[in-house]
Amino acid sequence: MSKLPILYSFRRCPYAMRARMALWIGGTTCELREVKLADKPAAMLEASPKGTVPILALHDGRVLDESLDIMRWALDQRDPEGWLAGDDTALVARNDGPFKHHLDRYKYSTRHDTDPLEHRAAGLVSLQDLDARLEYQPQLCGPKRTLADIALFPFVRQFANHDRAWFDALDLPHLQSWLDGHLASDLFAAIMPKFAPWRDGDEPVVFAA
């Protein structure tokens, strides 16, 4: 077991979700350590003092502590669905930059002391662009899901779930269908089981397709 990569993760974190999906589809077997963010284990902080999930500690001593790096590493090992063909860096950067900025200030307006409706409206502009992109193709980069879809989907899910009735009433038929498809996928179900927070000495939890 000690030779398996160790994945520090938090079930509901969108960054961790997309990393887990890439690891799963690539067939990378890991030891999964679920983290309670309010009580981060010392081993996780030793691996990466940033203290954010996901973190993938490889058996050769390398540590990947950015979700996109984990996705690309996993797919470099094995990419059975050709996800790397849809590694649209500009699209992902817009999601991880401006859209995530507005998502945080919409969902956590009290924490950020912001007007949530202002940031909801700004985030909606990005969603409208995605809807237009999906009008003539089922996935963001063509007919099949790729890295771009998996990188963005958890964040769109988080935005939608903050006020699902409002989101469902929007005129975004293509994006809503795309989101529902990813939510209903076997892949998403496979990476979302619940585990107790990891403690040193616990029996290893194997994460594998």
N, C-alpha and C. Protein backbone atom coordinates (compact mmCIF):
# COMPACT_ATOMS: atom_id res chain seq x y z
N MET A 1 0.81 -1.20 0.00
CA MET A 1 0.00 0.00 0.00
C MET A 1 0.85 1.26 0.00
N SER A 2 2.02 1.19 0.61
CA SER A 2 2.86 2.38 0.73
C SER A 2 3.34 2.88 -0.63
N LYS A 3 3.31 2.01 -1.65
CA LYS A 3 3.78 2.42 -2.97
C LYS A 3 2.69 3.08 -3.80
N LEU A 4 1.47 3.09 -3.32
CA LEU A 4 0.40 3.77 -4.04
C LEU A 4 0.52 5.28 -3.86
N PRO A 5 0.16 6.05 -4.88
CA PRO A 5 0.03 7.50 -4.66
C PRO A 5 -1.00 7.76 -3.58
N ILE A 6 -0.79 8.80 -2.81
CA ILE A 6 -1.72 9.17 -1.74
C ILE A 6 -2.45 10.44 -2.18
N LEU A 7 -3.77 10.36 -2.21
CA LEU A 7 -4.60 11.49 -2.61
C LEU A 7 -5.32 12.07 -1.39
N TYR A 8 -4.97 13.29 -1.04
CA TYR A 8 -5.71 14.03 -0.01
C TYR A 8 -6.84 14.77 -0.72
N SER A 9 -8.05 14.56 -0.24
CA SER A 9 -9.21 15.06 -0.97
C SER A 9 -10.29 15.50 0.01
N PHE A 10 -11.22 16.27 -0.49
CA PHE A 10 -12.42 16.64 0.26
C PHE A 10 -13.59 16.43 -0.69
N ARG A 11 -14.53 15.62 -0.29
CA ARG A 11 -15.57 15.13 -1.20
C ARG A 11 -16.26 16.24 -1.97
N ARG A 12 -16.62 17.34 -1.33
CA ARG A 12 -17.45 18.36 -1.97
C ARG A 12 -16.64 19.46 -2.66
N CYS A 13 -15.34 19.43 -2.57
CA CYS A 13 -14.51 20.46 -3.19
C CYS A 13 -14.51 20.27 -4.71
N PRO A 14 -14.86 21.29 -5.49
CA PRO A 14 -14.86 21.11 -6.95
C PRO A 14 -13.49 20.83 -7.53
N TYR A 15 -12.45 21.39 -6.94
CA TYR A 15 -11.10 21.09 -7.42
C TYR A 15 -10.77 19.61 -7.20
N ALA A 16 -11.14 19.11 -6.03
CA ALA A 16 -10.88 17.71 -5.73
C ALA A 16 -11.73 16.79 -6.60
N MET A 17 -12.96 17.21 -6.88
CA MET A 17 -13.84 16.40 -7.74
C MET A 17 -13.19 16.17 -9.10
N ARG A 18 -12.70 17.25 -9.71
CA ARG A 18 -12.18 17.09 -11.06
C ARG A 18 -10.89 16.27 -11.06
N ALA A 19 -10.10 16.40 -10.02
CA ALA A 19 -8.92 15.56 -9.91
C ALA A 19 -9.30 14.09 -9.77
N ARG A 20 -10.27 13.79 -8.92
CA ARG A 20 -10.70 12.40 -8.73
C ARG A 20 -11.25 11.82 -10.03
N MET A 21 -11.99 12.61 -10.80
CA MET A 21 -12.54 12.10 -12.06
C MET A 21 -11.44 11.75 -13.05
N ALA A 22 -10.41 12.58 -13.13
CA ALA A 22 -9.30 12.27 -14.05
C ALA A 22 -8.53 11.05 -13.59
N LEU A 23 -8.29 10.93 -12.29
CA LEU A 23 -7.60 9.76 -11.77
C LEU A 23 -8.41 8.49 -12.02
N TRP A 24 -9.71 8.60 -11.84
CA TRP A 24 -10.58 7.44 -12.03
C TRP A 24 -10.59 7.00 -13.49
N ILE A 25 -10.81 7.95 -14.41
CA ILE A 25 -10.91 7.58 -15.82
C ILE A 25 -9.57 7.09 -16.33
N GLY A 26 -8.47 7.59 -15.76
CA GLY A 26 -7.16 7.14 -16.17
C GLY A 26 -6.73 5.82 -15.55
N GLY A 27 -7.52 5.34 -14.61
CA GLY A 27 -7.21 4.06 -13.99
C GLY A 27 -6.10 4.10 -12.96
N THR A 28 -5.83 5.29 -12.40
CA THR A 28 -4.80 5.39 -11.37
C THR A 28 -5.36 4.94 -10.03
N THR A 29 -4.76 3.94 -9.44
CA THR A 29 -5.15 3.48 -8.12
C THR A 29 -4.40 4.29 -7.07
N CYS A 30 -5.15 4.84 -6.10
CA CYS A 30 -4.57 5.69 -5.05
C CYS A 30 -5.03 5.22 -3.69
N GLU A 31 -4.33 5.68 -2.69
CA GLU A 31 -4.84 5.63 -1.33
C GLU A 31 -5.55 6.96 -1.08
N LEU A 32 -6.84 6.92 -0.84
CA LEU A 32 -7.64 8.13 -0.65
C LEU A 32 -7.69 8.50 0.82
N ARG A 33 -7.33 9.74 1.11
CA ARG A 33 -7.43 10.25 2.47
C ARG A 33 -8.37 11.44 2.48
N GLU A 34 -9.59 11.21 2.93
CA GLU A 34 -10.58 12.29 3.03
C GLU A 34 -10.15 13.24 4.15
N VAL A 35 -10.26 14.53 3.87
CA VAL A 35 -9.76 15.56 4.78
C VAL A 35 -10.92 16.37 5.35
N LYS A 36 -10.87 16.64 6.63
CA LYS A 36 -11.74 17.63 7.25
C LYS A 36 -10.98 18.95 7.23
N LEU A 37 -11.47 19.90 6.45
CA LEU A 37 -10.69 21.11 6.21
C LEU A 37 -10.48 21.95 7.47
N ALA A 38 -11.36 21.79 8.44
CA ALA A 38 -11.19 22.52 9.69
C ALA A 38 -10.17 21.85 10.62
N ASP A 39 -9.73 20.66 10.26
CA ASP A 39 -8.78 19.91 11.10
C ASP A 39 -7.85 19.13 10.18
N LYS A 40 -6.99 19.84 9.47
CA LYS A 40 -6.14 19.22 8.46
C LYS A 40 -5.06 18.35 9.12
N PRO A 41 -4.89 17.15 8.64
CA PRO A 41 -3.89 16.27 9.25
C PRO A 41 -2.47 16.76 8.99
N ALA A 42 -1.60 16.47 9.94
CA ALA A 42 -0.20 16.91 9.83
C ALA A 42 0.48 16.33 8.60
N ALA A 43 0.15 15.09 8.25
CA ALA A 43 0.78 14.46 7.09
C ALA A 43 0.44 15.20 5.79
N MET A 44 -0.77 15.73 5.73
CA MET A 44 -1.16 16.50 4.55
C MET A 44 -0.37 17.81 4.47
N LEU A 45 -0.25 18.49 5.59
CA LEU A 45 0.48 19.76 5.62
C LEU A 45 1.97 19.55 5.39
N GLU A 46 2.47 18.39 5.79
CA GLU A 46 3.86 18.08 5.52
C GLU A 46 4.08 17.86 4.02
N ALA A 47 3.10 17.22 3.38
CA ALA A 47 3.20 16.98 1.95
C ALA A 47 3.13 18.29 1.17
N SER A 48 2.22 19.17 1.60
CA SER A 48 2.06 20.46 0.92
C SER A 48 1.63 21.50 1.95
N PRO A 49 2.51 22.40 2.33
CA PRO A 49 2.16 23.42 3.33
C PRO A 49 1.05 24.36 2.88
N LYS A 50 0.71 24.36 1.59
CA LYS A 50 -0.43 25.17 1.13
C LYS A 50 -1.70 24.80 1.88
N GLY A 51 -1.83 23.54 2.19
CA GLY A 51 -2.99 23.10 2.97
C GLY A 51 -4.30 23.10 2.22
N THR A 52 -4.24 23.03 0.89
CA THR A 52 -5.46 22.97 0.10
C THR A 52 -5.55 21.62 -0.61
N VAL A 53 -6.77 21.18 -0.85
CA VAL A 53 -6.97 19.94 -1.59
C VAL A 53 -7.33 20.28 -3.03
N PRO A 54 -7.03 19.35 -3.94
CA PRO A 54 -6.43 18.03 -3.74
C PRO A 54 -4.91 18.09 -3.70
N ILE A 55 -4.33 17.08 -3.09
CA ILE A 55 -2.89 16.87 -3.09
C ILE A 55 -2.64 15.42 -3.47
N LEU A 56 -1.75 15.22 -4.41
CA LEU A 56 -1.38 13.86 -4.80
C LEU A 56 0.10 13.68 -4.51
N ALA A 57 0.40 12.82 -3.52
CA ALA A 57 1.78 12.51 -3.16
C ALA A 57 2.18 11.23 -3.86
N LEU A 58 3.11 11.34 -4.79
CA LEU A 58 3.54 10.19 -5.57
C LEU A 58 4.62 9.40 -4.83
N HIS A 59 4.75 8.12 -5.17
CA HIS A 59 5.68 7.26 -4.43
C HIS A 59 7.13 7.62 -4.71
N ASP A 60 7.39 8.42 -5.77
CA ASP A 60 8.78 8.82 -6.04
C ASP A 60 9.16 10.12 -5.32
N GLY A 61 8.27 10.61 -4.48
CA GLY A 61 8.56 11.80 -3.69
C GLY A 61 7.98 13.08 -4.24
N ARG A 62 7.52 13.06 -5.48
CA ARG A 62 6.91 14.26 -6.04
C ARG A 62 5.54 14.50 -5.42
N VAL A 63 5.18 15.77 -5.31
CA VAL A 63 3.87 16.15 -4.78
C VAL A 63 3.20 17.10 -5.76
N LEU A 64 2.01 16.75 -6.19
CA LEU A 64 1.21 17.61 -7.06
C LEU A 64 0.10 18.21 -6.20
N ASP A 65 0.08 19.54 -6.09
CA ASP A 65 -0.93 20.16 -5.22
C ASP A 65 -1.78 21.19 -5.96
N GLU A 66 -1.89 21.01 -7.28
CA GLU A 66 -2.83 21.78 -8.09
C GLU A 66 -3.70 20.77 -8.85
N SER A 67 -5.01 21.01 -8.84
CA SER A 67 -5.92 20.02 -9.43
C SER A 67 -5.65 19.78 -10.91
N LEU A 68 -5.35 20.82 -11.66
CA LEU A 68 -5.09 20.64 -13.08
C LEU A 68 -3.81 19.85 -13.32
N ASP A 69 -2.82 20.05 -12.47
CA ASP A 69 -1.59 19.26 -12.58
C ASP A 69 -1.88 17.78 -12.34
N ILE A 70 -2.75 17.50 -11.37
CA ILE A 70 -3.12 16.12 -11.08
C ILE A 70 -3.88 15.53 -12.26
N MET A 71 -4.81 16.30 -12.83
CA MET A 71 -5.57 15.81 -13.98
C MET A 71 -4.63 15.47 -15.13
N ARG A 72 -3.74 16.40 -15.45
CA ARG A 72 -2.85 16.19 -16.60
C ARG A 72 -1.87 15.05 -16.34
N TRP A 73 -1.39 14.93 -15.11
CA TRP A 73 -0.50 13.83 -14.79
C TRP A 73 -1.22 12.49 -14.98
N ALA A 74 -2.44 12.40 -14.44
CA ALA A 74 -3.19 11.14 -14.54
C ALA A 74 -3.44 10.78 -16.00
N LEU A 75 -3.79 11.77 -16.81
CA LEU A 75 -4.11 11.51 -18.21
C LEU A 75 -2.86 11.25 -19.04
N ASP A 76 -1.73 11.77 -18.60
CA ASP A 76 -0.48 11.43 -19.26
C ASP A 76 -0.14 9.96 -19.06
N GLN A 77 -0.56 9.40 -17.94
CA GLN A 77 -0.32 7.97 -17.69
C GLN A 77 -1.23 7.12 -18.57
N ARG A 78 -2.48 7.54 -18.66
CA ARG A 78 -3.46 6.78 -19.45
C ARG A 78 -4.66 7.67 -19.72
N ASP A 79 -5.04 7.76 -20.97
CA ASP A 79 -6.11 8.67 -21.38
C ASP A 79 -7.06 7.93 -22.33
N PRO A 80 -7.85 6.99 -21.80
CA PRO A 80 -8.63 6.10 -22.67
C PRO A 80 -9.72 6.82 -23.47
N GLU A 81 -10.19 7.96 -22.99
CA GLU A 81 -11.24 8.69 -23.70
C GLU A 81 -10.72 9.89 -24.48
N GLY A 82 -9.41 10.10 -24.49
CA GLY A 82 -8.85 11.22 -25.22
C GLY A 82 -9.16 12.57 -24.62
N TRP A 83 -9.18 12.65 -23.30
CA TRP A 83 -9.53 13.91 -22.64
C TRP A 83 -8.52 15.03 -22.93
N LEU A 84 -7.26 14.69 -23.09
CA LEU A 84 -6.25 15.73 -23.29
C LEU A 84 -6.46 16.47 -24.61
N ALA A 85 -7.19 15.90 -25.53
CA ALA A 85 -7.50 16.60 -26.78
C ALA A 85 -8.39 17.81 -26.52
N GLY A 86 -9.06 17.83 -25.38
CA GLY A 86 -9.91 18.95 -25.00
C GLY A 86 -9.34 19.73 -23.83
N ASP A 87 -8.03 19.84 -23.78
CA ASP A 87 -7.40 20.64 -22.73
C ASP A 87 -7.36 22.10 -23.21
N ASP A 88 -8.53 22.74 -23.15
CA ASP A 88 -8.68 24.12 -23.62
C ASP A 88 -8.25 25.06 -22.49
N THR A 89 -7.00 25.48 -22.54
CA THR A 89 -6.44 26.24 -21.41
C THR A 89 -7.13 27.58 -21.22
N ALA A 90 -7.56 28.23 -22.30
CA ALA A 90 -8.23 29.52 -22.17
C ALA A 90 -9.59 29.36 -21.49
N LEU A 91 -10.32 28.33 -21.87
CA LEU A 91 -11.63 28.08 -21.28
C LEU A 91 -11.50 27.74 -19.80
N VAL A 92 -10.53 26.91 -19.47
CA VAL A 92 -10.32 26.54 -18.06
C VAL A 92 -9.87 27.75 -17.26
N ALA A 93 -9.01 28.58 -17.83
CA ALA A 93 -8.53 29.77 -17.13
C ALA A 93 -9.67 30.74 -16.84
N ARG A 94 -10.60 30.85 -17.75
CA ARG A 94 -11.74 31.74 -17.50
C ARG A 94 -12.60 31.19 -16.37
N ASN A 95 -12.75 29.88 -16.33
CA ASN A 95 -13.51 29.26 -15.23
C ASN A 95 -12.81 29.47 -13.90
N ASP A 96 -11.52 29.18 -13.88
CA ASP A 96 -10.77 29.21 -12.62
C ASP A 96 -10.47 30.63 -12.16
N GLY A 97 -10.56 31.59 -13.08
CA GLY A 97 -10.30 32.99 -12.75
C GLY A 97 -11.58 33.77 -12.52
N PRO A 98 -12.10 34.45 -13.55
CA PRO A 98 -13.28 35.30 -13.38
C PRO A 98 -14.52 34.57 -12.86
N PHE A 99 -14.83 33.39 -13.42
CA PHE A 99 -16.05 32.71 -12.98
C PHE A 99 -15.95 32.29 -11.52
N LYS A 100 -14.82 31.73 -11.12
CA LYS A 100 -14.65 31.30 -9.72
C LYS A 100 -14.70 32.52 -8.80
N HIS A 101 -14.16 33.64 -9.22
CA HIS A 101 -14.22 34.88 -8.43
C HIS A 101 -15.68 35.24 -8.14
N HIS A 102 -16.50 35.23 -9.16
CA HIS A 102 -17.91 35.61 -8.97
C HIS A 102 -18.68 34.51 -8.22
N LEU A 103 -18.35 33.26 -8.47
CA LEU A 103 -18.99 32.15 -7.75
C LEU A 103 -18.78 32.28 -6.25
N ASP A 104 -17.56 32.53 -5.83
CA ASP A 104 -17.26 32.66 -4.40
C ASP A 104 -18.03 33.81 -3.78
N ARG A 105 -18.13 34.91 -4.49
CA ARG A 105 -18.78 36.12 -3.93
C ARG A 105 -20.29 36.05 -4.03
N TYR A 106 -20.79 35.15 -4.85
CA TYR A 106 -22.23 34.86 -4.89
C TYR A 106 -22.59 33.88 -3.78
N LYS A 107 -21.83 32.81 -3.65
CA LYS A 107 -22.16 31.77 -2.67
C LYS A 107 -21.78 32.18 -1.25
N TYR A 108 -20.66 32.88 -1.11
CA TYR A 108 -20.17 33.24 0.23
C TYR A 108 -20.15 34.76 0.38
N SER A 109 -21.27 35.39 0.10
CA SER A 109 -21.33 36.86 0.08
C SER A 109 -21.05 37.46 1.46
N THR A 110 -21.48 36.81 2.52
CA THR A 110 -21.23 37.33 3.86
C THR A 110 -19.74 37.32 4.17
N ARG A 111 -19.09 36.25 3.82
CA ARG A 111 -17.65 36.13 4.06
C ARG A 111 -16.88 37.20 3.29
N HIS A 112 -17.32 37.48 2.07
CA HIS A 112 -16.61 38.43 1.22
C HIS A 112 -17.17 39.85 1.32
N ASP A 113 -18.28 40.02 2.05
CA ASP A 113 -18.94 41.32 2.18
C ASP A 113 -19.26 41.89 0.80
N THR A 114 -19.99 41.10 0.01
CA THR A 114 -20.32 41.48 -1.35
C THR A 114 -21.83 41.39 -1.58
N ASP A 115 -22.27 41.97 -2.69
CA ASP A 115 -23.66 41.87 -3.12
C ASP A 115 -23.79 40.58 -3.94
N PRO A 116 -24.47 39.56 -3.43
CA PRO A 116 -24.51 38.28 -4.14
C PRO A 116 -25.18 38.38 -5.50
N LEU A 117 -26.19 39.24 -5.63
CA LEU A 117 -26.89 39.33 -6.91
C LEU A 117 -26.01 39.95 -7.99
N GLU A 118 -25.15 40.85 -7.59
CA GLU A 118 -24.21 41.44 -8.56
C GLU A 118 -23.27 40.37 -9.10
N HIS A 119 -22.79 39.52 -8.23
CA HIS A 119 -21.85 38.48 -8.66
C HIS A 119 -22.57 37.32 -9.33
N ARG A 120 -23.81 37.08 -8.96
CA ARG A 120 -24.60 36.08 -9.68
C ARG A 120 -24.80 36.51 -11.13
N ALA A 121 -25.10 37.77 -11.33
CA ALA A 121 -25.30 38.29 -12.69
C ALA A 121 -24.02 38.21 -13.50
N ALA A 122 -22.89 38.51 -12.87
CA ALA A 122 -21.61 38.44 -13.57
C ALA A 122 -21.27 36.99 -13.93
N GLY A 123 -21.54 36.08 -13.01
CA GLY A 123 -21.30 34.67 -13.30
C GLY A 123 -22.20 34.14 -14.40
N LEU A 124 -23.41 34.68 -14.46
CA LEU A 124 -24.36 34.24 -15.48
C LEU A 124 -23.84 34.52 -16.89
N VAL A 125 -23.08 35.58 -17.05
CA VAL A 125 -22.51 35.89 -18.36
C VAL A 125 -21.64 34.73 -18.85
N SER A 126 -20.84 34.18 -17.96
CA SER A 126 -20.01 33.03 -18.32
C SER A 126 -20.87 31.82 -18.67
N LEU A 127 -21.94 31.62 -17.92
CA LEU A 127 -22.82 30.49 -18.20
C LEU A 127 -23.50 30.64 -19.56
N GLN A 128 -23.88 31.86 -19.90
CA GLN A 128 -24.50 32.11 -21.20
C GLN A 128 -23.52 31.80 -22.33
N ASP A 129 -22.27 32.13 -22.13
CA ASP A 129 -21.25 31.81 -23.13
C ASP A 129 -21.10 30.30 -23.29
N LEU A 130 -21.15 29.58 -22.18
CA LEU A 130 -21.06 28.12 -22.26
C LEU A 130 -22.28 27.53 -22.96
N ASP A 131 -23.44 28.09 -22.67
CA ASP A 131 -24.66 27.60 -23.31
C ASP A 131 -24.59 27.78 -24.82
N ALA A 132 -24.08 28.94 -25.24
CA ALA A 132 -23.94 29.19 -26.68
C ALA A 132 -22.94 28.21 -27.30
N ARG A 133 -21.90 27.91 -26.58
CA ARG A 133 -20.89 26.97 -27.07
C ARG A 133 -21.47 25.57 -27.23
N LEU A 134 -22.42 25.22 -26.37
CA LEU A 134 -23.01 23.88 -26.38
C LEU A 134 -24.21 23.76 -27.32
N GLU A 135 -24.55 24.83 -27.99
CA GLU A 135 -25.74 24.78 -28.84
C GLU A 135 -25.58 23.78 -29.99
N TYR A 136 -24.37 23.68 -30.52
CA TYR A 136 -24.15 22.84 -31.70
C TYR A 136 -23.26 21.63 -31.43
N GLN A 137 -22.95 21.40 -30.18
CA GLN A 137 -22.15 20.22 -29.83
C GLN A 137 -22.50 19.83 -28.40
N PRO A 138 -22.52 18.54 -28.10
CA PRO A 138 -22.98 18.10 -26.77
C PRO A 138 -22.00 18.36 -25.64
N GLN A 139 -20.71 18.50 -25.97
CA GLN A 139 -19.72 18.76 -24.94
C GLN A 139 -18.92 20.01 -25.34
N LEU A 140 -18.15 20.53 -24.42
CA LEU A 140 -17.53 21.85 -24.63
C LEU A 140 -16.53 21.88 -25.78
N CYS A 141 -15.90 20.76 -26.06
CA CYS A 141 -14.89 20.73 -27.13
C CYS A 141 -15.27 19.78 -28.26
N GLY A 142 -16.52 19.40 -28.34
CA GLY A 142 -16.94 18.51 -29.42
C GLY A 142 -17.97 17.49 -28.97
N PRO A 143 -17.97 16.33 -29.62
CA PRO A 143 -19.02 15.34 -29.35
C PRO A 143 -18.83 14.55 -28.05
N LYS A 144 -17.61 14.50 -27.52
CA LYS A 144 -17.35 13.68 -26.34
C LYS A 144 -16.78 14.52 -25.21
N ARG A 145 -16.97 14.05 -23.98
CA ARG A 145 -16.42 14.75 -22.82
C ARG A 145 -14.90 14.71 -22.86
N THR A 146 -14.31 15.81 -22.43
CA THR A 146 -12.86 15.90 -22.37
C THR A 146 -12.47 16.62 -21.09
N LEU A 147 -11.20 16.93 -20.98
CA LEU A 147 -10.69 17.60 -19.78
C LEU A 147 -11.46 18.88 -19.49
N ALA A 148 -11.78 19.66 -20.51
CA ALA A 148 -12.48 20.93 -20.28
C ALA A 148 -13.82 20.72 -19.59
N ASP A 149 -14.58 19.74 -20.04
CA ASP A 149 -15.88 19.47 -19.41
C ASP A 149 -15.72 19.09 -17.95
N ILE A 150 -14.78 18.21 -17.68
CA ILE A 150 -14.60 17.72 -16.32
C ILE A 150 -14.01 18.80 -15.43
N ALA A 151 -13.18 19.67 -15.99
CA ALA A 151 -12.59 20.75 -15.20
C ALA A 151 -13.63 21.80 -14.82
N LEU A 152 -14.62 22.04 -15.69
CA LEU A 152 -15.61 23.09 -15.43
C LEU A 152 -16.84 22.60 -14.70
N PHE A 153 -17.24 21.37 -14.99
CA PHE A 153 -18.52 20.88 -14.49
C PHE A 153 -18.72 21.01 -12.97
N PRO A 154 -17.73 20.71 -12.13
CA PRO A 154 -17.99 20.84 -10.68
C PRO A 154 -18.28 22.27 -10.24
N PHE A 155 -17.74 23.25 -10.95
CA PHE A 155 -17.96 24.64 -10.58
C PHE A 155 -19.33 25.13 -11.07
N VAL A 156 -19.73 24.69 -12.25
CA VAL A 156 -21.08 24.99 -12.71
C VAL A 156 -22.10 24.34 -11.79
N ARG A 157 -21.82 23.12 -11.36
CA ARG A 157 -22.69 22.44 -10.40
C ARG A 157 -22.84 23.24 -9.12
N GLN A 158 -21.73 23.76 -8.60
CA GLN A 158 -21.76 24.52 -7.37
C GLN A 158 -22.57 25.81 -7.54
N PHE A 159 -22.37 26.49 -8.65
CA PHE A 159 -23.13 27.71 -8.94
C PHE A 159 -24.63 27.40 -9.03
N ALA A 160 -24.97 26.35 -9.76
CA ALA A 160 -26.38 25.98 -9.94
C ALA A 160 -27.03 25.59 -8.62
N ASN A 161 -26.33 24.86 -7.79
CA ASN A 161 -26.92 24.35 -6.56
C ASN A 161 -27.16 25.42 -5.51
N HIS A 162 -26.53 26.56 -5.64
CA HIS A 162 -26.73 27.60 -4.63
C HIS A 162 -28.17 28.10 -4.63
N ASP A 163 -28.81 28.13 -5.78
CA ASP A 163 -30.24 28.44 -5.90
C ASP A 163 -30.74 27.69 -7.11
N ARG A 164 -31.03 26.41 -6.89
CA ARG A 164 -31.34 25.54 -8.02
C ARG A 164 -32.63 25.94 -8.73
N ALA A 165 -33.61 26.44 -7.98
CA ALA A 165 -34.85 26.86 -8.63
C ALA A 165 -34.60 28.01 -9.60
N TRP A 166 -33.78 28.96 -9.18
CA TRP A 166 -33.43 30.09 -10.05
C TRP A 166 -32.67 29.59 -11.28
N PHE A 167 -31.69 28.72 -11.06
CA PHE A 167 -30.89 28.21 -12.17
C PHE A 167 -31.75 27.44 -13.16
N ASP A 168 -32.64 26.60 -12.65
CA ASP A 168 -33.47 25.78 -13.54
C ASP A 168 -34.44 26.60 -14.37
N ALA A 169 -34.77 27.81 -13.89
CA ALA A 169 -35.70 28.68 -14.62
C ALA A 169 -35.01 29.52 -15.69
N LEU A 170 -33.69 29.47 -15.75
CA LEU A 170 -32.95 30.26 -16.74
C LEU A 170 -33.13 29.69 -18.14
N ASP A 171 -32.93 30.54 -19.12
CA ASP A 171 -32.99 30.11 -20.51
C ASP A 171 -31.59 29.66 -20.95
N LEU A 172 -31.19 28.54 -20.38
CA LEU A 172 -29.88 27.94 -20.69
C LEU A 172 -30.06 26.46 -20.99
N PRO A 173 -30.86 26.12 -22.00
CA PRO A 173 -31.23 24.71 -22.19
C PRO A 173 -30.04 23.79 -22.48
N HIS A 174 -29.07 24.29 -23.22
CA HIS A 174 -27.94 23.43 -23.59
C HIS A 174 -27.03 23.18 -22.40
N LEU A 175 -26.77 24.24 -21.63
CA LEU A 175 -25.94 24.09 -20.44
C LEU A 175 -26.62 23.24 -19.39
N GLN A 176 -27.93 23.43 -19.21
CA GLN A 176 -28.66 22.64 -18.22
C GLN A 176 -28.66 21.16 -18.58
N SER A 177 -28.81 20.86 -19.87
CA SER A 177 -28.77 19.47 -20.31
C SER A 177 -27.37 18.89 -20.11
N TRP A 178 -26.35 19.68 -20.42
CA TRP A 178 -24.95 19.26 -20.23
C TRP A 178 -24.68 18.96 -18.76
N LEU A 179 -25.12 19.87 -17.88
CA LEU A 179 -24.90 19.68 -16.45
C LEU A 179 -25.63 18.43 -15.96
N ASP A 180 -26.87 18.27 -16.35
CA ASP A 180 -27.64 17.10 -15.90
C ASP A 180 -26.98 15.80 -16.36
N GLY A 181 -26.42 15.82 -17.56
CA GLY A 181 -25.75 14.63 -18.06
C GLY A 181 -24.54 14.25 -17.23
N HIS A 182 -23.76 15.24 -16.84
CA HIS A 182 -22.58 14.95 -16.02
C HIS A 182 -22.98 14.53 -14.61
N LEU A 183 -24.02 15.16 -14.08
CA LEU A 183 -24.48 14.77 -12.74
C LEU A 183 -24.98 13.33 -12.70
N ALA A 184 -25.57 12.89 -13.81
CA ALA A 184 -26.14 11.53 -13.86
C ALA A 184 -25.14 10.48 -14.33
N SER A 185 -23.90 10.89 -14.61
CA SER A 185 -22.94 9.95 -15.17
C SER A 185 -22.45 8.94 -14.14
N ASP A 186 -22.08 7.77 -14.64
CA ASP A 186 -21.49 6.75 -13.78
C ASP A 186 -20.17 7.26 -13.19
N LEU A 187 -19.45 8.06 -13.95
CA LEU A 187 -18.17 8.59 -13.47
C LEU A 187 -18.37 9.45 -12.23
N PHE A 188 -19.33 10.35 -12.29
CA PHE A 188 -19.56 11.23 -11.13
C PHE A 188 -19.99 10.41 -9.92
N ALA A 189 -20.88 9.46 -10.14
CA ALA A 189 -21.31 8.61 -9.02
C ALA A 189 -20.14 7.85 -8.42
N ALA A 190 -19.21 7.42 -9.26
CA ALA A 190 -18.08 6.60 -8.79
C ALA A 190 -17.14 7.37 -7.88
N ILE A 191 -17.03 8.70 -8.07
CA ILE A 191 -16.03 9.44 -7.29
C ILE A 191 -16.65 10.20 -6.12
N MET A 192 -17.93 9.94 -5.83
CA MET A 192 -18.61 10.70 -4.78
C MET A 192 -19.04 9.91 -3.55
N PRO A 193 -18.52 8.71 -3.30
CA PRO A 193 -18.90 8.05 -2.04
C PRO A 193 -18.37 8.82 -0.83
N LYS A 194 -19.03 8.64 0.29
CA LYS A 194 -18.64 9.35 1.51
C LYS A 194 -17.68 8.49 2.33
N PHE A 195 -16.66 9.14 2.86
CA PHE A 195 -15.71 8.49 3.75
C PHE A 195 -15.47 9.37 4.96
N ALA A 196 -15.19 8.73 6.09
CA ALA A 196 -14.85 9.48 7.29
C ALA A 196 -13.50 10.16 7.09
N PRO A 197 -13.29 11.30 7.75
CA PRO A 197 -11.99 11.95 7.66
C PRO A 197 -10.87 11.01 8.10
N TRP A 198 -9.78 11.06 7.36
CA TRP A 198 -8.65 10.18 7.61
C TRP A 198 -7.88 10.60 8.86
N ARG A 199 -7.43 9.61 9.60
CA ARG A 199 -6.54 9.81 10.74
C ARG A 199 -5.36 8.86 10.63
N ASP A 200 -4.22 9.29 11.09
CA ASP A 200 -3.02 8.45 11.05
C ASP A 200 -3.29 7.13 11.74
N GLY A 201 -2.98 6.05 11.08
CA GLY A 201 -3.22 4.73 11.64
C GLY A 201 -4.48 4.06 11.10
N ASP A 202 -5.31 4.83 10.37
CA ASP A 202 -6.52 4.23 9.79
C ASP A 202 -6.17 3.20 8.72
N GLU A 203 -7.06 2.26 8.53
CA GLU A 203 -6.92 1.32 7.42
C GLU A 203 -7.01 2.11 6.10
N PRO A 204 -6.14 1.83 5.14
CA PRO A 204 -6.16 2.58 3.89
C PRO A 204 -7.48 2.38 3.12
N VAL A 205 -7.93 3.46 2.50
CA VAL A 205 -9.06 3.42 1.59
C VAL A 205 -8.52 3.45 0.18
N VAL A 206 -8.78 2.39 -0.58
CA VAL A 206 -8.28 2.31 -1.95
C VAL A 206 -9.26 2.96 -2.90
N PHE A 207 -8.76 3.91 -3.67
CA PHE A 207 -9.54 4.60 -4.69
C PHE A 207 -9.11 4.05 -6.03
N ALA A 208 -10.01 3.32 -6.70
CA ALA A 208 -9.63 2.67 -7.96
C ALA A 208 -10.87 2.39 -8.78
N ALA A 209 -10.72 2.50 -10.10
CA ALA A 209 -11.82 2.18 -11.01
C ALA A 209 -12.04 0.67 -11.03
